[in-house]
Amino acid sequence: MLNDGNRKISVDKQGNLAGLERLPSALQQKVRAALQTGKLERSSALAQVAIERSTLLGMSQGGLPFPLIGPLGEVVRSERPTFRWHTGGGVQSYTVTVTDADLNVIATSPPLNTSMSSAEREQTLQRIVADTTAASAAVRKCASKTLLPDQESVFETTRGYLIQARAAMKRDELWQAESLARKARQLALSLECH
């Protein structure tokens, strides 16, 4: 069984899928197969996703390491994804350019400042607190319960994200803390303990 918000999706012993009747039959078959095997089919969109380190070009000493933090190696649905990267020392602004697999420019940002305003920092901290509070509540609720094996994995991964988020907060890496806290909250939504 899969919990999708208020909806429950399941496959009975005869292989009948319930809860996704409005989906096209091809998608229903993929969901049925995933629920029956416990494995997801890898999206064809991932074949074009490359996970490589980038280098800031144009520096006199061969460039500075310029690693992208995220999204990296994942397909995003948003038409306006939030990119995160490690900043280079002394850099005042950045320009982000998105290209396709053939390096054709899809979009280019205006120059982006590297500092966060106090209002942005406050909003980010509020999101981190809300996400960690929600995820922590789910973890506490399930901590003393007997969980199914798949739920144990979700529980442990959620706990791991929370621990990493707290460590990022101590390092004042709000971008990473926010990402980890959001992952913990989203994963905690699928925790089911009785």
Protein backbone atom coordinates (compact mmCIF):
# COMPACT_ATOMS: atom_id res chain seq x y z
CA MET A 1 0.00 0.00 0.00
CA LEU A 2 1.13 3.52 -0.79
CA ASN A 3 -0.15 6.64 0.97
CA ASP A 4 -0.46 9.61 -1.37
CA GLY A 5 -1.78 12.43 0.77
CA ASN A 6 -5.31 11.41 1.78
CA ARG A 7 -5.47 8.76 -0.93
CA LYS A 8 -4.44 5.12 -0.48
CA ILE A 9 -3.09 3.25 -3.50
CA SER A 10 -2.92 -0.53 -3.39
CA VAL A 11 -2.72 -3.72 -5.42
CA ASP A 12 -4.84 -6.67 -4.31
CA LYS A 13 -3.86 -10.36 -4.55
CA GLN A 14 -5.35 -10.57 -8.04
CA GLY A 15 -3.18 -7.67 -9.22
CA ASN A 16 -5.97 -5.09 -9.37
CA LEU A 17 -4.80 -1.52 -8.75
CA ALA A 18 -7.02 0.69 -6.58
CA GLY A 19 -6.78 4.42 -5.99
CA LEU A 20 -5.55 5.61 -9.39
CA GLU A 21 -8.52 4.91 -11.63
CA ARG A 22 -8.21 8.28 -13.39
CA LEU A 23 -4.67 7.59 -14.64
CA PRO A 24 -4.11 6.29 -18.17
CA SER A 25 -3.77 2.51 -18.25
CA ALA A 26 -0.07 2.67 -19.23
CA LEU A 27 0.71 4.66 -16.08
CA GLN A 28 -1.49 2.37 -13.98
CA GLN A 29 0.55 -0.60 -15.22
CA LYS A 30 3.81 1.10 -14.20
CA VAL A 31 2.48 1.91 -10.73
CA ARG A 32 1.14 -1.65 -10.35
CA ALA A 33 4.54 -3.08 -11.32
CA ALA A 34 6.34 -0.78 -8.87
CA LEU A 35 4.03 -1.74 -6.01
CA GLN A 36 4.31 -5.44 -6.78
CA THR A 37 8.09 -5.54 -7.23
CA GLY A 38 9.08 -2.74 -4.87
CA LYS A 39 11.19 -1.24 -7.67
CA LEU A 40 10.68 1.86 -9.78
CA GLU A 41 11.42 2.01 -13.48
CA ARG A 42 14.20 4.52 -14.11
CA SER A 43 12.91 7.57 -15.95
CA SER A 44 14.26 8.03 -19.48
CA ALA A 45 14.72 11.72 -18.61
CA LEU A 46 17.55 10.74 -16.25
CA ALA A 47 19.66 9.47 -19.14
CA GLN A 48 20.43 13.07 -20.08
CA VAL A 49 21.25 14.14 -16.54
CA ALA A 50 24.99 14.29 -16.00
CA ILE A 51 26.56 14.64 -12.58
CA GLU A 52 29.79 16.49 -13.13
CA ARG A 53 31.73 19.12 -11.27
CA SER A 54 31.95 22.44 -13.03
CA THR A 55 34.81 24.88 -13.07
CA LEU A 56 34.51 28.63 -12.98
CA LEU A 57 36.36 29.64 -16.12
CA GLY A 58 38.31 32.76 -16.80
CA MET A 59 40.39 32.81 -13.62
CA SER A 60 44.10 33.36 -14.06
CA GLN A 61 45.14 30.21 -12.18
CA GLY A 62 43.13 27.59 -14.06
CA GLY A 63 39.79 28.36 -12.46
CA LEU A 64 38.32 27.79 -9.01
CA PRO A 65 36.43 24.65 -7.99
CA PHE A 66 32.79 25.55 -8.43
CA PRO A 67 30.67 22.58 -7.35
CA LEU A 68 26.95 22.60 -7.88
CA ILE A 69 25.04 21.46 -4.79
CA GLY A 70 21.67 20.96 -6.35
CA PRO A 71 19.60 20.09 -8.11
CA LEU A 72 22.20 17.61 -9.29
CA GLY A 73 21.50 14.31 -11.00
CA GLU A 74 17.76 14.64 -10.64
CA VAL A 75 14.81 15.58 -12.78
CA VAL A 76 12.92 18.60 -11.47
CA ARG A 77 9.33 19.46 -12.33
CA SER A 78 9.56 23.13 -11.52
CA GLU A 79 9.93 25.58 -14.36
CA ARG A 80 11.86 27.74 -11.89
CA PRO A 81 14.17 25.43 -9.93
CA THR A 82 16.33 26.84 -7.16
CA PHE A 83 20.01 26.23 -7.90
CA ARG A 84 22.49 25.99 -5.04
CA TRP A 85 26.27 25.98 -5.28
CA HIS A 86 29.36 26.55 -3.18
CA THR A 87 30.50 30.12 -3.61
CA GLY A 88 34.01 31.15 -4.52
CA GLY A 89 35.91 33.50 -2.23
CA GLY A 90 35.65 37.15 -3.14
CA VAL A 91 32.99 36.66 -5.80
CA GLN A 92 30.31 39.36 -5.69
CA SER A 93 27.75 37.95 -8.12
CA TYR A 94 27.00 34.94 -10.31
CA THR A 95 25.15 34.33 -13.54
CA VAL A 96 23.43 30.96 -13.99
CA THR A 97 23.09 29.56 -17.50
CA VAL A 98 21.03 26.43 -18.18
CA THR A 99 21.85 24.42 -21.31
CA ASP A 100 20.51 21.27 -22.89
CA ALA A 101 22.61 18.16 -23.59
CA ASP A 102 24.01 19.83 -26.75
CA LEU A 103 24.99 22.98 -24.79
CA ASN A 104 22.27 25.09 -26.39
CA VAL A 105 21.34 27.87 -23.96
CA ILE A 106 17.86 27.40 -22.54
CA ALA A 107 17.90 30.22 -19.98
CA THR A 108 20.32 32.70 -18.41
CA SER A 109 19.78 34.54 -15.14
CA PRO A 110 20.62 38.15 -14.45
CA PRO A 111 23.63 38.65 -12.13
CA LEU A 112 22.80 37.13 -8.73
CA ASN A 113 24.17 38.60 -5.50
CA THR A 114 25.88 36.22 -3.10
CA SER A 115 24.54 37.61 0.16
CA MET A 116 21.19 36.90 1.79
CA SER A 117 19.21 39.79 3.22
CA SER A 118 18.11 39.62 6.85
CA ALA A 119 14.49 39.15 5.72
CA GLU A 120 15.49 36.26 3.42
CA ARG A 121 17.52 34.71 6.24
CA GLU A 122 14.54 34.97 8.61
CA GLN A 123 12.19 33.38 6.06
CA THR A 124 14.68 30.57 5.42
CA LEU A 125 15.04 29.91 9.15
CA GLN A 126 11.24 29.81 9.52
CA ARG A 127 10.98 27.20 6.74
CA ILE A 128 13.75 25.12 8.32
CA VAL A 129 12.05 25.23 11.74
CA ALA A 130 8.65 24.30 10.27
CA ASP A 131 10.08 21.39 8.28
CA THR A 132 12.25 20.00 11.09
CA THR A 133 9.42 20.35 13.61
CA ALA A 134 7.01 18.40 11.39
CA ALA A 135 9.56 15.70 10.55
CA SER A 136 10.69 15.39 14.19
CA ALA A 137 7.09 14.95 15.35
CA ALA A 138 6.60 12.07 12.89
CA VAL A 139 9.88 10.47 13.99
CA ARG A 140 8.95 10.77 17.70
CA LYS A 141 5.52 9.28 17.00
CA CYS A 142 7.06 6.22 15.31
CA ALA A 143 10.15 5.86 17.54
CA SER A 144 8.61 3.33 19.94
CA LYS A 145 6.43 1.54 17.39
CA THR A 146 7.06 -1.64 15.45
CA LEU A 147 7.56 -0.73 11.83
CA LEU A 148 7.41 -2.74 8.64
CA PRO A 149 10.82 -3.14 6.92
CA ASP A 150 10.10 -0.49 4.27
CA GLN A 151 8.92 1.90 6.99
CA GLU A 152 12.09 1.24 9.02
CA SER A 153 14.10 2.47 6.05
CA VAL A 154 11.94 5.60 5.73
CA PHE A 155 12.25 6.19 9.49
CA GLU A 156 16.06 5.89 9.48
CA THR A 157 16.48 8.03 6.38
CA THR A 158 14.24 10.73 7.86
CA ARG A 159 16.29 10.68 11.10
CA GLY A 160 19.47 10.93 9.05
CA TYR A 161 18.20 13.98 7.17
CA LEU A 162 17.27 15.64 10.46
CA ILE A 163 20.72 14.99 11.93
CA GLN A 164 22.39 16.36 8.79
CA ALA A 165 20.09 19.42 8.79
CA ARG A 166 21.05 20.23 12.38
CA ALA A 167 24.75 19.86 11.54
CA ALA A 168 24.33 22.21 8.56
CA MET A 169 22.62 24.75 10.83
CA LYS A 170 25.60 24.64 13.21
CA ARG A 171 27.88 25.38 10.23
CA ASP A 172 25.50 28.21 9.19
CA GLU A 173 24.90 26.51 5.84
CA LEU A 174 21.27 27.49 5.61
CA TRP A 175 20.87 26.38 1.99
CA GLN A 176 21.88 22.84 2.94
CA ALA A 177 19.90 22.83 6.18
CA GLU A 178 16.80 23.95 4.29
CA SER A 179 17.20 21.27 1.62
CA LEU A 180 17.74 18.50 4.19
CA ALA A 181 14.88 19.70 6.41
CA ARG A 182 12.52 19.73 3.40
CA LYS A 183 13.60 16.21 2.40
CA ALA A 184 13.03 15.02 5.98
CA ARG A 185 9.54 16.54 6.08
CA GLN A 186 8.55 15.12 2.70
CA LEU A 187 9.82 11.67 3.63
CA ALA A 188 8.17 11.82 7.04
CA LEU A 189 4.79 12.26 5.33
CA SER A 190 5.03 8.64 4.19
CA LEU A 191 5.78 7.30 7.68
CA GLU A 192 2.99 5.03 8.83
CA CYS A 193 3.23 3.66 12.36
CA HIS A 194 0.55 2.08 14.49
